[in-house]
Amino acid sequence: MKEYLVIDGYNVINGWPELKKAAEENLEEARILLVEMMAEYQSYKGLRVIVVFDAHLVKASMEKRDTIKGVEVVYTKEKETADSFIEKFILHLPKRDRASVVTNDWTEQQMIMGSGAARMPVRELIIDYDKIKKNIRRKTEVLQQQKDFLSNRIDPLVLEKLEKLRRRS
């Protein structure tokens, strides 16, 4: 069984304050930042992330798929919205697989639930992502503290022999 997190890219960018601010400066940078954040999220959660960006208003655009840092990034073709791409993806998903779709679009959320996928508002993704980042920071701090002790860097057999020598003294 595979588990997917399908993201309506521009909807998430506009619903996530940090990304929205980045998009006001440079939309391409906001897209890159979203994909990088979702690569971390994917790695921690152990699921497959697909980020879908609308290209439906781009004349003669063909659907484009790319994998960046393990995240599948899709640009829809001309006259195809991210919503319609996501709907088709969910409908063609094997029954054994599960998917959650991140969007604030109410109509899209209703369609998603009707087709058997779970919905996740952008706010929930932000909260979960922040929680994951805190967990990673905490684990990193613990590992850094452990490295500060010499005994944590010595082979356990050598450490045992040193301890025996210390007790003989």
Protein backbone atom coordinates (compact mmCIF):
# COMPACT_ATOMS: atom_id res chain seq x y z
CA MET A 1 0.00 0.00 0.00
CA LYS A 2 1.26 3.43 -0.93
CA GLU A 3 0.29 6.62 0.83
CA TYR A 4 0.20 9.89 -1.09
CA LEU A 5 -0.01 13.52 -0.10
CA VAL A 6 -1.21 15.48 -3.12
CA ILE A 7 -0.74 19.23 -2.88
CA ASP A 8 -2.54 21.93 -4.83
CA GLY A 9 0.65 23.99 -5.19
CA TYR A 10 -0.59 27.53 -5.72
CA ASN A 11 -3.44 27.05 -3.26
CA VAL A 12 -0.93 26.04 -0.58
CA ILE A 13 1.45 28.88 -1.45
CA ASN A 14 -1.40 31.38 -1.07
CA GLY A 15 -2.61 29.77 2.17
CA TRP A 16 0.79 29.51 3.90
CA PRO A 17 1.91 32.96 5.13
CA GLU A 18 5.64 32.23 4.79
CA LEU A 19 5.22 30.99 1.21
CA LYS A 20 2.79 33.74 0.28
CA LYS A 21 5.33 36.35 1.37
CA ALA A 22 8.03 34.61 -0.67
CA ALA A 23 5.70 34.51 -3.70
CA GLU A 24 5.16 38.27 -3.49
CA GLU A 25 8.91 38.64 -4.01
CA ASN A 26 9.46 35.80 -6.49
CA LEU A 27 6.92 33.09 -7.38
CA GLU A 28 9.60 30.67 -8.59
CA GLU A 29 11.38 30.93 -5.23
CA ALA A 30 8.10 30.19 -3.42
CA ARG A 31 7.61 27.07 -5.57
CA ILE A 32 11.14 25.91 -4.83
CA LEU A 33 10.69 26.55 -1.11
CA LEU A 34 7.42 24.58 -1.07
CA VAL A 35 9.05 21.62 -2.80
CA GLU A 36 12.04 21.68 -0.42
CA MET A 37 9.74 21.82 2.61
CA MET A 38 7.70 18.92 1.26
CA ALA A 39 10.87 16.89 0.64
CA GLU A 40 11.60 17.14 4.38
CA TYR A 41 7.98 16.34 5.19
CA GLN A 42 7.99 13.34 2.85
CA SER A 43 11.20 12.00 4.33
CA TYR A 44 9.95 12.28 7.90
CA LYS A 45 6.43 10.95 7.26
CA GLY A 46 7.42 8.16 4.87
CA LEU A 47 4.82 8.95 2.24
CA ARG A 48 4.94 10.11 -1.37
CA VAL A 49 4.34 13.81 -2.01
CA ILE A 50 3.03 15.14 -5.32
CA VAL A 51 2.88 18.92 -5.80
CA VAL A 52 0.60 20.06 -8.63
CA PHE A 53 0.88 23.53 -10.16
CA ASP A 54 -1.63 25.00 -12.61
CA ALA A 55 -0.34 25.78 -16.06
CA HIS A 56 -3.82 25.81 -17.62
CA LEU A 57 -3.53 29.44 -18.73
CA VAL A 58 -0.14 28.93 -20.37
CA LYS A 59 -0.67 28.70 -24.13
CA ALA A 60 0.37 25.41 -25.71
CA SER A 61 1.79 24.08 -22.46
CA MET A 62 2.20 20.33 -22.17
CA GLU A 63 1.95 18.45 -18.92
CA LYS A 64 5.37 18.40 -17.31
CA ARG A 65 6.47 16.05 -14.53
CA ASP A 66 9.71 16.22 -12.63
CA THR A 67 11.12 14.71 -9.46
CA ILE A 68 12.93 17.17 -7.21
CA LYS A 69 14.50 15.88 -4.01
CA GLY A 70 12.16 12.90 -4.15
CA VAL A 71 9.02 15.02 -4.54
CA GLU A 72 7.02 14.62 -7.74
CA VAL A 73 6.25 18.04 -9.22
CA VAL A 74 3.56 18.31 -11.89
CA TYR A 75 2.74 21.30 -14.10
CA THR A 76 -0.64 20.75 -15.74
CA LYS A 77 -1.18 21.12 -19.46
CA GLU A 78 -3.03 23.97 -21.13
CA LYS A 79 -6.71 24.11 -20.11
CA GLU A 80 -6.19 21.69 -17.20
CA THR A 81 -6.40 22.99 -13.65
CA ALA A 82 -4.60 21.51 -10.67
CA ASP A 83 -8.04 20.58 -9.33
CA SER A 84 -8.93 18.51 -12.40
CA PHE A 85 -5.51 16.83 -12.40
CA ILE A 86 -5.90 15.93 -8.72
CA GLU A 87 -9.43 14.62 -9.29
CA LYS A 88 -8.21 12.32 -12.09
CA PHE A 89 -5.26 11.17 -9.98
CA ILE A 90 -7.52 10.27 -7.04
CA LEU A 91 -10.06 8.49 -9.25
CA HIS A 92 -7.35 6.34 -10.87
CA LEU A 93 -5.61 5.48 -7.60
CA PRO A 94 -5.66 1.74 -6.83
CA LYS A 95 -8.07 0.83 -4.01
CA ARG A 96 -5.23 -0.40 -1.80
CA ASP A 97 -3.49 3.01 -1.88
CA ARG A 98 -4.46 6.01 0.23
CA ALA A 99 -4.27 9.69 -0.51
CA SER A 100 -4.74 12.98 1.28
CA VAL A 101 -5.14 16.21 -0.66
CA VAL A 102 -3.98 19.56 0.69
CA THR A 103 -6.13 22.48 -0.45
CA ASN A 104 -8.29 25.23 0.97
CA ASP A 105 -10.63 25.03 -2.03
CA TRP A 106 -14.00 23.97 -0.56
CA THR A 107 -15.34 22.55 -3.83
CA GLU A 108 -12.18 20.49 -4.27
CA GLN A 109 -12.42 19.24 -0.68
CA GLN A 110 -15.99 18.01 -1.31
CA MET A 111 -14.94 16.16 -4.47
CA ILE A 112 -11.96 14.64 -2.65
CA MET A 113 -14.08 13.27 0.16
CA GLY A 114 -16.59 11.91 -2.33
CA SER A 115 -13.90 9.94 -4.14
CA GLY A 116 -12.48 8.32 -1.01
CA ALA A 117 -9.45 10.47 -0.36
CA ALA A 118 -8.88 12.48 2.79
CA ARG A 119 -8.74 16.26 2.78
CA MET A 120 -6.23 18.35 4.63
CA PRO A 121 -6.64 22.11 4.88
CA VAL A 122 -3.44 24.11 4.46
CA ARG A 123 -3.54 25.12 8.12
CA GLU A 124 -3.31 21.45 9.19
CA LEU A 125 -0.29 20.93 6.96
CA ILE A 126 1.41 23.99 8.46
CA ILE A 127 0.81 22.71 11.99
CA ASP A 128 2.05 19.21 11.15
CA TYR A 129 5.10 20.57 9.30
CA ASP A 130 6.01 22.84 12.24
CA LYS A 131 5.66 19.91 14.65
CA ILE A 132 7.96 17.80 12.48
CA LYS A 133 10.55 20.58 12.30
CA LYS A 134 10.53 20.87 16.12
CA ASN A 135 10.99 17.10 16.46
CA ILE A 136 13.93 17.16 14.04
CA ARG A 137 15.51 20.09 15.92
CA ARG A 138 15.06 18.30 19.25
CA LYS A 139 16.62 15.08 17.94
CA THR A 140 19.52 17.03 16.46
CA GLU A 141 20.14 18.79 19.78
CA VAL A 142 20.15 15.46 21.63
CA LEU A 143 22.62 14.01 19.14
CA GLN A 144 24.84 17.09 19.48
CA GLN A 145 24.82 16.77 23.26
CA GLN A 146 25.69 13.08 23.03
CA LYS A 147 28.67 13.84 20.80
CA ASP A 148 30.13 16.06 23.51
CA PHE A 149 31.04 13.06 25.69
CA LEU A 150 34.21 11.15 24.84
CA SER A 151 32.53 7.92 25.94
CA ASN A 152 29.98 8.35 23.17
CA ARG A 153 32.72 8.38 20.55
CA ILE A 154 34.72 5.37 21.78
CA ASP A 155 34.03 1.86 20.64
CA PRO A 156 32.02 0.05 23.37
CA LEU A 157 34.65 -2.74 23.68
CA VAL A 158 37.45 -0.23 24.18
CA LEU A 159 35.31 1.65 26.69
CA GLU A 160 34.72 -1.59 28.62
CA LYS A 161 38.46 -2.32 28.76
CA LEU A 162 39.21 1.21 29.94
CA GLU A 163 36.60 0.85 32.67
CA LYS A 164 38.23 -2.41 33.86
CA LEU A 165 41.62 -0.66 33.95
CA ARG A 166 40.14 2.22 35.93
CA ARG A 167 38.68 -0.16 38.53
CA ARG A 168 42.04 -1.93 39.04
CA SER A 169 43.74 1.32 39.98
